[in-house]
Amino acid sequence: MKKIIAYIVGGLILLSIVFYVGNTWPRQSVLDEYLKKQEESIKQKYEEQINLKNSEIDSLNFQLNKVQEQNLALKSQYSKLKKERDNVQKPQSKTDTVNRLKSLGYTSAK
């Protein structure tokens, strides 16, 4: 009879220790809350980085469009100058030579 009472008391002590240890470990709800907070903070950081990168992309696209417009303007100016160069003829007279030099910014030395 004493053995049976000892087993019952030992079992109750063992069960109380198991319940105590089970309650001291973090519960699933606590872990879920922590994971949810971490997920939200990571999502917020991700959204901030995505917004920053999108603004950088928009800025670079604007700069690219500006450079492309400048490139087209320079190409048209280049083709215009190339046509003018191809159409240059030798001066026919002295006045023609003087007029060309004046148009280039040279003045006479008189």
PDB file of N, CA and C in Angstrom:
ATOM      1  N   MET A   1       0.802  -1.179   0.000  1.00  0.00           N
ATOM      2  CA  MET A   1       0.000   0.000   0.000  1.00  0.00           C
ATOM      3  C   MET A   1       0.857   1.261   0.000  1.00  0.00           C
ATOM      4  N   LYS A   2       1.947   1.249   0.727  1.00  0.00           N
ATOM      5  CA  LYS A   2       2.833   2.388   0.758  1.00  0.00           C
ATOM      6  C   LYS A   2       3.471   2.623  -0.611  1.00  0.00           C
ATOM      7  N   LYS A   3       3.720   1.509  -1.321  1.00  0.00           N
ATOM      8  CA  LYS A   3       4.320   1.640  -2.655  1.00  0.00           C
ATOM      9  C   LYS A   3       3.335   2.319  -3.602  1.00  0.00           C
ATOM     10  N   ILE A   4       2.077   1.953  -3.504  1.00  0.00           N
ATOM     11  CA  ILE A   4       1.072   2.526  -4.392  1.00  0.00           C
ATOM     12  C   ILE A   4       0.917   4.017  -4.113  1.00  0.00           C
ATOM     13  N   ILE A   5       0.883   4.380  -2.851  1.00  0.00           N
ATOM     14  CA  ILE A   5       0.780   5.802  -2.484  1.00  0.00           C
ATOM     15  C   ILE A   5       2.032   6.545  -2.949  1.00  0.00           C
ATOM     16  N   ALA A   6       3.184   5.917  -2.829  1.00  0.00           N
ATOM     17  CA  ALA A   6       4.438   6.543  -3.269  1.00  0.00           C
ATOM     18  C   ALA A   6       4.416   6.756  -4.788  1.00  0.00           C
ATOM     19  N   TYR A   7       3.889   5.746  -5.528  1.00  0.00           N
ATOM     20  CA  TYR A   7       3.790   5.898  -6.994  1.00  0.00           C
ATOM     21  C   TYR A   7       2.809   7.015  -7.365  1.00  0.00           C
ATOM     22  N   ILE A   8       1.707   7.092  -6.657  1.00  0.00           N
ATOM     23  CA  ILE A   8       0.718   8.136  -6.940  1.00  0.00           C
ATOM     24  C   ILE A   8       1.306   9.517  -6.648  1.00  0.00           C
ATOM     25  N   VAL A   9       1.978   9.665  -5.505  1.00  0.00           N
ATOM     26  CA  VAL A   9       2.602  10.943  -5.143  1.00  0.00           C
ATOM     27  C   VAL A   9       3.707  11.280  -6.146  1.00  0.00           C
ATOM     28  N   GLY A  10       4.511  10.287  -6.505  1.00  0.00           N
ATOM     29  CA  GLY A  10       5.580  10.504  -7.499  1.00  0.00           C
ATOM     30  C   GLY A  10       5.010  10.902  -8.847  1.00  0.00           C
ATOM     31  N   GLY A  11       3.913  10.249  -9.252  1.00  0.00           N
ATOM     32  CA  GLY A  11       3.257  10.590 -10.520  1.00  0.00           C
ATOM     33  C   GLY A  11       2.701  12.004 -10.499  1.00  0.00           C
ATOM     34  N   LEU A  12       2.105  12.395  -9.376  1.00  0.00           N
ATOM     35  CA  LEU A  12       1.574  13.761  -9.259  1.00  0.00           C
ATOM     36  C   LEU A  12       2.703  14.795  -9.306  1.00  0.00           C
ATOM     37  N   ILE A  13       3.800  14.474  -8.646  1.00  0.00           N
ATOM     38  CA  ILE A  13       4.958  15.385  -8.689  1.00  0.00           C
ATOM     39  C   ILE A  13       5.493  15.479 -10.112  1.00  0.00           C
ATOM     40  N   LEU A  14       5.579  14.350 -10.781  1.00  0.00           N
ATOM     41  CA  LEU A  14       6.058  14.321 -12.166  1.00  0.00           C
ATOM     42  C   LEU A  14       5.124  15.119 -13.078  1.00  0.00           C
ATOM     43  N   LEU A  15       3.808  14.937 -12.913  1.00  0.00           N
ATOM     44  CA  LEU A  15       2.846  15.691 -13.720  1.00  0.00           C
ATOM     45  C   LEU A  15       2.923  17.191 -13.439  1.00  0.00           C
ATOM     46  N   SER A  16       3.101  17.553 -12.164  1.00  0.00           N
ATOM     47  CA  SER A  16       3.199  18.978 -11.843  1.00  0.00           C
ATOM     48  C   SER A  16       4.464  19.584 -12.452  1.00  0.00           C
ATOM     49  N   ILE A  17       5.555  18.832 -12.460  1.00  0.00           N
ATOM     50  CA  ILE A  17       6.800  19.317 -13.092  1.00  0.00           C
ATOM     51  C   ILE A  17       6.598  19.469 -14.594  1.00  0.00           C
ATOM     52  N   VAL A  18       5.946  18.516 -15.224  1.00  0.00           N
ATOM     53  CA  VAL A  18       5.692  18.574 -16.671  1.00  0.00           C
ATOM     54  C   VAL A  18       4.821  19.781 -17.001  1.00  0.00           C
ATOM     55  N   PHE A  19       3.759  20.014 -16.224  1.00  0.00           N
ATOM     56  CA  PHE A  19       2.896  21.173 -16.479  1.00  0.00           C
ATOM     57  C   PHE A  19       3.639  22.490 -16.244  1.00  0.00           C
ATOM     58  N   TYR A  20       4.473  22.535 -15.216  1.00  0.00           N
ATOM     59  CA  TYR A  20       5.239  23.739 -14.931  1.00  0.00           C
ATOM     60  C   TYR A  20       6.201  24.051 -16.077  1.00  0.00           C
ATOM     61  N   VAL A  21       6.935  23.038 -16.512  1.00  0.00           N
ATOM     62  CA  VAL A  21       7.876  23.223 -17.623  1.00  0.00           C
ATOM     63  C   VAL A  21       7.125  23.582 -18.898  1.00  0.00           C
ATOM     64  N   GLY A  22       5.980  22.958 -19.119  1.00  0.00           N
ATOM     65  CA  GLY A  22       5.189  23.246 -20.308  1.00  0.00           C
ATOM     66  C   GLY A  22       4.677  24.676 -20.330  1.00  0.00           C
ATOM     67  N   ASN A  23       4.368  25.237 -19.179  1.00  0.00           N
ATOM     68  CA  ASN A  23       3.874  26.605 -19.110  1.00  0.00           C
ATOM     69  C   ASN A  23       4.994  27.644 -19.152  1.00  0.00           C
ATOM     70  N   THR A  24       6.202  27.245 -18.795  1.00  0.00           N
ATOM     71  CA  THR A  24       7.303  28.206 -18.818  1.00  0.00           C
ATOM     72  C   THR A  24       7.894  28.358 -20.216  1.00  0.00           C
ATOM     73  N   TRP A  25       7.797  27.355 -21.044  1.00  0.00           N
ATOM     74  CA  TRP A  25       8.299  27.476 -22.417  1.00  0.00           C
ATOM     75  C   TRP A  25       7.380  28.398 -23.200  1.00  0.00           C
ATOM     76  N   PRO A  26       7.921  29.118 -24.195  1.00  0.00           N
ATOM     77  CA  PRO A  26       7.052  30.026 -24.961  1.00  0.00           C
ATOM     78  C   PRO A  26       5.969  29.248 -25.696  1.00  0.00           C
ATOM     79  N   ARG A  27       4.809  29.789 -25.635  1.00  0.00           N
ATOM     80  CA  ARG A  27       3.691  29.136 -26.293  1.00  0.00           C
ATOM     81  C   ARG A  27       3.685  29.489 -27.768  1.00  0.00           C
ATOM     82  N   GLN A  28       2.897  28.761 -28.509  1.00  0.00           N
ATOM     83  CA  GLN A  28       2.817  28.975 -29.955  1.00  0.00           C
ATOM     84  C   GLN A  28       2.288  30.366 -30.277  1.00  0.00           C
ATOM     85  N   SER A  29       1.353  30.852 -29.482  1.00  0.00           N
ATOM     86  CA  SER A  29       0.792  32.182 -29.747  1.00  0.00           C
ATOM     87  C   SER A  29       1.852  33.260 -29.583  1.00  0.00           C
ATOM     88  N   VAL A  30       2.734  33.097 -28.610  1.00  0.00           N
ATOM     89  CA  VAL A  30       3.818  34.062 -28.411  1.00  0.00           C
ATOM     90  C   VAL A  30       4.757  34.024 -29.604  1.00  0.00           C
ATOM     91  N   LEU A  31       5.083  32.839 -30.062  1.00  0.00           N
ATOM     92  CA  LEU A  31       5.950  32.703 -31.230  1.00  0.00           C
ATOM     93  C   LEU A  31       5.279  33.273 -32.474  1.00  0.00           C
ATOM     94  N   ASP A  32       3.979  33.026 -32.611  1.00  0.00           N
ATOM     95  CA  ASP A  32       3.258  33.564 -33.766  1.00  0.00           C
ATOM     96  C   ASP A  32       3.263  35.086 -33.763  1.00  0.00           C
ATOM     97  N   GLU A  33       3.055  35.690 -32.586  1.00  0.00           N
ATOM     98  CA  GLU A  33       3.090  37.154 -32.495  1.00  0.00           C
ATOM     99  C   GLU A  33       4.468  37.689 -32.874  1.00  0.00           C
ATOM    100  N   TYR A  34       5.507  37.064 -32.348  1.00  0.00           N
ATOM    101  CA  TYR A  34       6.872  37.490 -32.655  1.00  0.00           C
ATOM    102  C   TYR A  34       7.156  37.365 -34.144  1.00  0.00           C
ATOM    103  N   LEU A  35       6.784  36.253 -34.732  1.00  0.00           N
ATOM    104  CA  LEU A  35       7.016  36.044 -36.165  1.00  0.00           C
ATOM    105  C   LEU A  35       6.224  37.037 -36.999  1.00  0.00           C
ATOM    106  N   LYS A  36       5.019  37.356 -36.566  1.00  0.00           N
ATOM    107  CA  LYS A  36       4.189  38.312 -37.292  1.00  0.00           C
ATOM    108  C   LYS A  36       4.820  39.704 -37.249  1.00  0.00           C
ATOM    109  N   LYS A  37       5.327  40.103 -36.083  1.00  0.00           N
ATOM    110  CA  LYS A  37       6.006  41.397 -35.960  1.00  0.00           C
ATOM    111  C   LYS A  37       7.242  41.440 -36.852  1.00  0.00           C
ATOM    112  N   GLN A  38       8.006  40.369 -36.832  1.00  0.00           N
ATOM    113  CA  GLN A  38       9.206  40.313 -37.676  1.00  0.00           C
ATOM    114  C   GLN A  38       8.834  40.392 -39.154  1.00  0.00           C
ATOM    115  N   GLU A  39       7.792  39.685 -39.525  1.00  0.00           N
ATOM    116  CA  GLU A  39       7.341  39.696 -40.921  1.00  0.00           C
ATOM    117  C   GLU A  39       6.912  41.102 -41.335  1.00  0.00           C
ATOM    118  N   GLU A  40       6.178  41.796 -40.467  1.00  0.00           N
ATOM    119  CA  GLU A  40       5.734  43.155 -40.779  1.00  0.00           C
ATOM    120  C   GLU A  40       6.916  44.105 -40.916  1.00  0.00           C
ATOM    121  N   SER A  41       7.895  43.980 -40.019  1.00  0.00           N
ATOM    122  CA  SER A  41       9.057  44.871 -40.107  1.00  0.00           C
ATOM    123  C   SER A  41       9.863  44.589 -41.371  1.00  0.00           C
ATOM    124  N   ILE A  42       9.988  43.331 -41.733  1.00  0.00           N
ATOM    125  CA  ILE A  42      10.721  42.980 -42.956  1.00  0.00           C
ATOM    126  C   ILE A  42       9.968  43.485 -44.182  1.00  0.00           C
ATOM    127  N   LYS A  43       8.639  43.349 -44.186  1.00  0.00           N
ATOM    128  CA  LYS A  43       7.842  43.853 -45.302  1.00  0.00           C
ATOM    129  C   LYS A  43       7.966  45.362 -45.428  1.00  0.00           C
ATOM    130  N   GLN A  44       7.958  46.056 -44.285  1.00  0.00           N
ATOM    131  CA  GLN A  44       8.079  47.514 -44.312  1.00  0.00           C
ATOM    132  C   GLN A  44       9.439  47.929 -44.879  1.00  0.00           C
ATOM    133  N   LYS A  45      10.499  47.278 -44.445  1.00  0.00           N
ATOM    134  CA  LYS A  45      11.833  47.581 -44.968  1.00  0.00           C
ATOM    135  C   LYS A  45      11.899  47.280 -46.465  1.00  0.00           C
ATOM    136  N   TYR A  46      11.286  46.177 -46.862  1.00  0.00           N
ATOM    137  CA  TYR A  46      11.269  45.801 -48.273  1.00  0.00           C
ATOM    138  C   TYR A  46      10.525  46.848 -49.103  1.00  0.00           C
ATOM    139  N   GLU A  47       9.376  47.298 -48.614  1.00  0.00           N
ATOM    140  CA  GLU A  47       8.600  48.311 -49.338  1.00  0.00           C
ATOM    141  C   GLU A  47       9.381  49.619 -49.447  1.00  0.00           C
ATOM    142  N   GLU A  48      10.066  50.008 -48.380  1.00  0.00           N
ATOM    143  CA  GLU A  48      10.878  51.222 -48.416  1.00  0.00           C
ATOM    144  C   GLU A  48      11.986  51.089 -49.456  1.00  0.00           C
ATOM    145  N   GLN A  49      12.649  49.941 -49.479  1.00  0.00           N
ATOM    146  CA  GLN A  49      13.720  49.734 -50.454  1.00  0.00           C
ATOM    147  C   GLN A  49      13.171  49.718 -51.877  1.00  0.00           C
ATOM    148  N   ILE A  50      12.021  49.102 -52.076  1.00  0.00           N
ATOM    149  CA  ILE A  50      11.413  49.050 -53.408  1.00  0.00           C
ATOM    150  C   ILE A  50      11.034  50.459 -53.854  1.00  0.00           C
ATOM    151  N   ASN A  51      10.446  51.254 -52.961  1.00  0.00           N
ATOM    152  CA  ASN A  51      10.076  52.629 -53.311  1.00  0.00           C
ATOM    153  C   ASN A  51      11.310  53.456 -53.642  1.00  0.00           C
ATOM    154  N   LEU A  52      12.388  53.267 -52.882  1.00  0.00           N
ATOM    155  CA  LEU A  52      13.628  53.985 -53.150  1.00  0.00           C
ATOM    156  C   LEU A  52      14.182  53.591 -54.520  1.00  0.00           C
ATOM    157  N   LYS A  53      14.209  52.308 -54.797  1.00  0.00           N
ATOM    158  CA  LYS A  53      14.729  51.835 -56.087  1.00  0.00           C
ATOM    159  C   LYS A  53      13.843  52.307 -57.235  1.00  0.00           C
ATOM    160  N   ASN A  54      12.525  52.321 -57.030  1.00  0.00           N
ATOM    161  CA  ASN A  54      11.626  52.809 -58.082  1.00  0.00           C
ATOM    162  C   ASN A  54      11.863  54.280 -58.366  1.00  0.00           C
ATOM    163  N   SER A  55      12.098  55.072 -57.329  1.00  0.00           N
ATOM    164  CA  SER A  55      12.375  56.491 -57.554  1.00  0.00           C
ATOM    165  C   SER A  55      13.709  56.673 -58.276  1.00  0.00           C
ATOM    166  N   GLU A  56      14.696  55.853 -57.940  1.00  0.00           N
ATOM    167  CA  GLU A  56      15.978  55.912 -58.651  1.00  0.00           C
ATOM    168  C   GLU A  56      15.800  55.523 -60.118  1.00  0.00           C
ATOM    169  N   ILE A  57      14.986  54.513 -60.370  1.00  0.00           N
ATOM    170  CA  ILE A  57      14.729  54.074 -61.743  1.00  0.00           C
ATOM    171  C   ILE A  57      14.037  55.184 -62.529  1.00  0.00           C
ATOM    172  N   ASP A  58      13.051  55.836 -61.898  1.00  0.00           N
ATOM    173  CA  ASP A  58      12.362  56.932 -62.569  1.00  0.00           C
ATOM    174  C   ASP A  58      13.318  58.071 -62.896  1.00  0.00           C
ATOM    175  N   SER A  59      14.189  58.396 -61.950  1.00  0.00           N
ATOM    176  CA  SER A  59      15.172  59.462 -62.174  1.00  0.00           C
ATOM    177  C   SER A  59      16.115  59.095 -63.321  1.00  0.00           C
ATOM    178  N   LEU A  60      16.585  57.852 -63.323  1.00  0.00           N
ATOM    179  CA  LEU A  60      17.491  57.416 -64.385  1.00  0.00           C
ATOM    180  C   LEU A  60      16.788  57.372 -65.738  1.00  0.00           C
ATOM    181  N   ASN A  61      15.507  56.983 -65.769  1.00  0.00           N
ATOM    182  CA  ASN A  61      14.760  57.002 -67.027  1.00  0.00           C
ATOM    183  C   ASN A  61      14.613  58.426 -67.555  1.00  0.00           C
ATOM    184  N   PHE A  62      14.362  59.381 -66.649  1.00  0.00           N
ATOM    185  CA  PHE A  62      14.253  60.774 -67.055  1.00  0.00           C
ATOM    186  C   PHE A  62      15.576  61.263 -67.643  1.00  0.00           C
ATOM    187  N   GLN A  63      16.677  60.945 -66.967  1.00  0.00           N
ATOM    188  CA  GLN A  63      17.991  61.341 -67.460  1.00  0.00           C
ATOM    189  C   GLN A  63      18.293  60.678 -68.804  1.00  0.00           C
ATOM    190  N   LEU A  64      17.916  59.418 -68.960  1.00  0.00           N
ATOM    191  CA  LEU A  64      18.135  58.703 -70.208  1.00  0.00           C
ATOM    192  C   LEU A  64      17.367  59.359 -71.348  1.00  0.00           C
ATOM    193  N   ASN A  65      16.104  59.715 -71.097  1.00  0.00           N
ATOM    194  CA  ASN A  65      15.311  60.379 -72.127  1.00  0.00           C
ATOM    195  C   ASN A  65      15.919  61.721 -72.506  1.00  0.00           C
ATOM    196  N   LYS A  66      16.409  62.445 -71.511  1.00  0.00           N
ATOM    197  CA  LYS A  66      17.039  63.746 -71.772  1.00  0.00           C
ATOM    198  C   LYS A  66      18.286  63.573 -72.637  1.00  0.00           C
ATOM    199  N   VAL A  67      19.102  62.596 -72.316  1.00  0.00           N
ATOM    200  CA  VAL A  67      20.334  62.343 -73.078  1.00  0.00           C
ATOM    201  C   VAL A  67      20.000  61.885 -74.497  1.00  0.00           C
ATOM    202  N   GLN A  68      18.952  61.072 -74.639  1.00  0.00           N
ATOM    203  CA  GLN A  68      18.551  60.634 -75.977  1.00  0.00           C
ATOM    204  C   GLN A  68      18.088  61.817 -76.821  1.00  0.00           C
ATOM    205  N   GLU A  69      17.354  62.751 -76.217  1.00  0.00           N
ATOM    206  CA  GLU A  69      16.937  63.948 -76.951  1.00  0.00           C
ATOM    207  C   GLU A  69      18.148  64.763 -77.381  1.00  0.00           C
ATOM    208  N   GLN A  70      19.116  64.929 -76.467  1.00  0.00           N
ATOM    209  CA  GLN A  70      20.344  65.649 -76.813  1.00  0.00           C
ATOM    210  C   GLN A  70      21.093  64.932 -77.922  1.00  0.00           C
ATOM    211  N   ASN A  71      21.123  63.616 -77.861  1.00  0.00           N
ATOM    212  CA  ASN A  71      21.808  62.824 -78.881  1.00  0.00           C
ATOM    213  C   ASN A  71      21.155  63.035 -80.245  1.00  0.00           C
ATOM    214  N   LEU A  72      19.814  63.026 -80.282  1.00  0.00           N
ATOM    215  CA  LEU A  72      19.126  63.256 -81.558  1.00  0.00           C
ATOM    216  C   LEU A  72      19.410  64.651 -82.100  1.00  0.00           C
ATOM    217  N   ALA A  73      19.428  65.638 -81.203  1.00  0.00           N
ATOM    218  CA  ALA A  73      19.722  67.008 -81.637  1.00  0.00           C
ATOM    219  C   ALA A  73      21.141  67.103 -82.199  1.00  0.00           C
ATOM    220  N   LEU A  74      22.089  66.468 -81.519  1.00  0.00           N
ATOM    221  CA  LEU A  74      23.476  66.496 -81.992  1.00  0.00           C
ATOM    222  C   LEU A  74      23.634  65.738 -83.311  1.00  0.00           C
ATOM    223  N   LYS A  75      22.896  64.642 -83.473  1.00  0.00           N
ATOM    224  CA  LYS A  75      22.964  63.899 -84.740  1.00  0.00           C
ATOM    225  C   LYS A  75      22.433  64.746 -85.890  1.00  0.00           C
ATOM    226  N   SER A  76      21.324  65.441 -85.646  1.00  0.00           N
ATOM    227  CA  SER A  76      20.773  66.274 -86.724  1.00  0.00           C
ATOM    228  C   SER A  76      21.722  67.429 -87.043  1.00  0.00           C
ATOM    229  N   GLN A  77      22.335  68.007 -86.005  1.00  0.00           N
ATOM    230  CA  GLN A  77      23.299  69.089 -86.234  1.00  0.00           C
ATOM    231  C   GLN A  77      24.513  68.553 -86.982  1.00  0.00           C
ATOM    232  N   TYR A  78      24.967  67.355 -86.641  1.00  0.00           N
ATOM    233  CA  TYR A  78      26.100  66.739 -87.315  1.00  0.00           C
ATOM    234  C   TYR A  78      25.786  66.496 -88.790  1.00  0.00           C
ATOM    235  N   SER A  79      24.598  65.943 -89.049  1.00  0.00           N
ATOM    236  CA  SER A  79      24.251  65.680 -90.455  1.00  0.00           C
ATOM    237  C   SER A  79      24.128  66.987 -91.230  1.00  0.00           C
ATOM    238  N   LYS A  80      23.628  68.044 -90.600  1.00  0.00           N
ATOM    239  CA  LYS A  80      23.535  69.360 -91.247  1.00  0.00           C
ATOM    240  C   LYS A  80      24.926  69.890 -91.585  1.00  0.00           C
ATOM    241  N   LEU A  81      25.848  69.797 -90.621  1.00  0.00           N
ATOM    242  CA  LEU A  81      27.217  70.268 -90.865  1.00  0.00           C
ATOM    243  C   LEU A  81      27.913  69.418 -91.924  1.00  0.00           C
ATOM    244  N   LYS A  82      27.630  68.140 -91.945  1.00  0.00           N
ATOM    245  CA  LYS A  82      28.230  67.259 -92.936  1.00  0.00           C
ATOM    246  C   LYS A  82      27.751  67.637 -94.337  1.00  0.00           C
ATOM    247  N   LYS A  83      26.446  67.942 -94.469  1.00  0.00           N
ATOM    248  CA  LYS A  83      25.920  68.379 -95.767  1.00  0.00           C
ATOM    249  C   LYS A  83      26.549  69.690 -96.196  1.00  0.00           C
ATOM    250  N   GLU A  84      26.692  70.619 -95.246  1.00  0.00           N
ATOM    251  CA  GLU A  84      27.333  71.893 -95.569  1.00  0.00           C
ATOM    252  C   GLU A  84      28.777  71.678 -96.007  1.00  0.00           C
ATOM    253  N   ARG A  85      29.477  70.781 -95.344  1.00  0.00           N
ATOM    254  CA  ARG A  85      30.866  70.512 -95.719  1.00  0.00           C
ATOM    255  C   ARG A  85      30.944  69.916 -97.125  1.00  0.00           C
ATOM    256  N   ASP A  86      30.007  69.024 -97.434  1.00  0.00           N
ATOM    257  CA  ASP A  86      30.010  68.402 -98.757  1.00  0.00           C
ATOM    258  C   ASP A  86      29.670  69.412 -99.853  1.00  0.00           C
ATOM    259  N   ASN A  87      28.925  70.435 -99.532  1.00  0.00           N
ATOM    260  CA  ASN A  87      28.511  71.433-100.521  1.00  0.00           C
ATOM    261  C   ASN A  87      29.470  72.610-100.642  1.00  0.00           C
ATOM    262  N   VAL A  88      30.589  72.583 -99.933  1.00  0.00           N
ATOM    263  CA  VAL A  88      31.552  73.694 -99.994  1.00  0.00           C
ATOM    264  C   VAL A  88      32.251  73.671-101.347  1.00  0.00           C
ATOM    265  N   GLN A  89      32.314  74.843-101.959  1.00  0.00           N
ATOM    266  CA  GLN A  89      33.023  74.992-103.241  1.00  0.00           C
ATOM    267  C   GLN A  89      34.167  75.972-103.050  1.00  0.00           C
ATOM    268  N   LYS A  90      35.120  75.912-103.966  1.00  0.00           N
ATOM    269  CA  LYS A  90      36.241  76.845-103.914  1.00  0.00           C
ATOM    270  C   LYS A  90      35.734  78.259-104.165  1.00  0.00           C
ATOM    271  N   PRO A  91      36.342  79.229-103.482  1.00  0.00           N
ATOM    272  CA  PRO A  91      35.938  80.610-103.740  1.00  0.00           C
ATOM    273  C   PRO A  91      36.250  80.988-105.193  1.00  0.00           C
ATOM    274  N   GLN A  92      35.357  81.728-105.818  1.00  0.00           N
ATOM    275  CA  GLN A  92      35.514  82.099-107.229  1.00  0.00           C
ATOM    276  C   GLN A  92      36.279  83.409-107.396  1.00  0.00           C
ATOM    277  N   SER A  93      36.184  84.262-106.387  1.00  0.00           N
ATOM    278  CA  SER A  93      36.861  85.561-106.509  1.00  0.00           C
ATOM    279  C   SER A  93      37.418  85.967-105.151  1.00  0.00           C
ATOM    280  N   LYS A  94      38.115  87.126-105.188  1.00  0.00           N
ATOM    281  CA  LYS A  94      38.716  87.637-103.968  1.00  0.00           C
ATOM    282  C   LYS A  94      37.634  88.063-102.981  1.00  0.00           C
ATOM    283  N   THR A  95      36.575  88.669-103.444  1.00  0.00           N
ATOM    284  CA  THR A  95      35.495  89.114-102.551  1.00  0.00           C
ATOM    285  C   THR A  95      34.781  87.923-101.919  1.00  0.00           C
ATOM    286  N   ASP A  96      34.666  86.860-102.652  1.00  0.00           N
ATOM    287  CA  ASP A  96      34.061  85.641-102.110  1.00  0.00           C
ATOM    288  C   ASP A  96      34.900  85.114-100.946  1.00  0.00           C
ATOM    289  N   THR A  97      36.237  85.146-101.134  1.00  0.00           N
ATOM    290  CA  THR A  97      37.139  84.705-100.072  1.00  0.00           C
ATOM    291  C   THR A  97      37.022  85.616 -98.858  1.00  0.00           C
ATOM    292  N   VAL A  98      36.987  86.924 -99.071  1.00  0.00           N
ATOM    293  CA  VAL A  98      36.878  87.890 -97.968  1.00  0.00           C
ATOM    294  C   VAL A  98      35.547  87.690 -97.231  1.00  0.00           C
ATOM    295  N   ASN A  99      34.473  87.494 -97.961  1.00  0.00           N
ATOM    296  CA  ASN A  99      33.166  87.291 -97.332  1.00  0.00           C
ATOM    297  C   ASN A  99      33.137  86.007 -96.485  1.00  0.00           C
ATOM    298  N   ARG A 100      33.777  84.977 -96.988  1.00  0.00           N
ATOM    299  CA  ARG A 100      33.832  83.729 -96.214  1.00  0.00           C
ATOM    300  C   ARG A 100      34.640  83.915 -94.936  1.00  0.00           C
ATOM    301  N   LEU A 101      35.749  84.590 -95.026  1.00  0.00           N
ATOM    302  CA  LEU A 101      36.570  84.841 -93.841  1.00  0.00           C
ATOM    303  C   LEU A 101      35.820  85.714 -92.833  1.00  0.00           C
ATOM    304  N   LYS A 102      35.079  86.704 -93.319  1.00  0.00           N
ATOM    305  CA  LYS A 102      34.287  87.549 -92.418  1.00  0.00           C
ATOM    306  C   LYS A 102      33.193  86.730 -91.730  1.00  0.00           C
ATOM    307  N   SER A 103      32.585  85.799 -92.453  1.00  0.00           N
ATOM    308  CA  SER A 103      31.556  84.978 -91.845  1.00  0.00           C
ATOM    309  C   SER A 103      32.122  84.041 -90.791  1.00  0.00           C
ATOM    310  N   LEU A 104      33.389  83.727 -90.900  1.00  0.00           N
ATOM    311  CA  LEU A 104      34.058  82.897 -89.902  1.00  0.00           C
ATOM    312  C   LEU A 104      34.563  83.713 -88.711  1.00  0.00           C
ATOM    313  N   GLY A 105      34.491  85.046 -88.814  1.00  0.00           N
ATOM    314  CA  GLY A 105      34.887  85.882 -87.685  1.00  0.00           C
ATOM    315  C   GLY A 105      36.228  86.569 -87.848  1.00  0.00           C
ATOM    316  N   TYR A 106      36.847  86.419 -89.004  1.00  0.00           N
ATOM    317  CA  TYR A 106      38.126  87.069 -89.247  1.00  0.00           C
ATOM    318  C   TYR A 106      37.862  88.484 -89.774  1.00  0.00           C
ATOM    319  N   THR A 107      38.668  89.423 -89.314  1.00  0.00           N
ATOM    320  CA  THR A 107      38.552  90.798 -89.810  1.00  0.00           C
ATOM    321  C   THR A 107      39.757  91.119 -90.666  1.00  0.00           C
ATOM    322  N   SER A 108      39.591  92.126 -91.480  1.00  0.00           N
ATOM    323  CA  SER A 108      40.701  92.506 -92.352  1.00  0.00           C
ATOM    324  C   SER A 108      41.771  93.227 -91.565  1.00  0.00           C
ATOM    325  N   ALA A 109      42.973  93.145 -92.033  1.00  0.00           N
ATOM    326  CA  ALA A 109      44.117  93.726 -91.308  1.00  0.00           C
ATOM    327  C   ALA A 109      44.450  95.113 -91.845  1.00  0.00           C
ATOM    328  N   LYS A 110      43.562  95.807 -92.525  1.00  0.00           N
ATOM    329  CA  LYS A 110      43.861  97.132 -93.100  1.00  0.00           C
ATOM    330  C   LYS A 110      44.006  98.167 -92.061  1.00  0.00           C
TER     331      LYS A 110
END
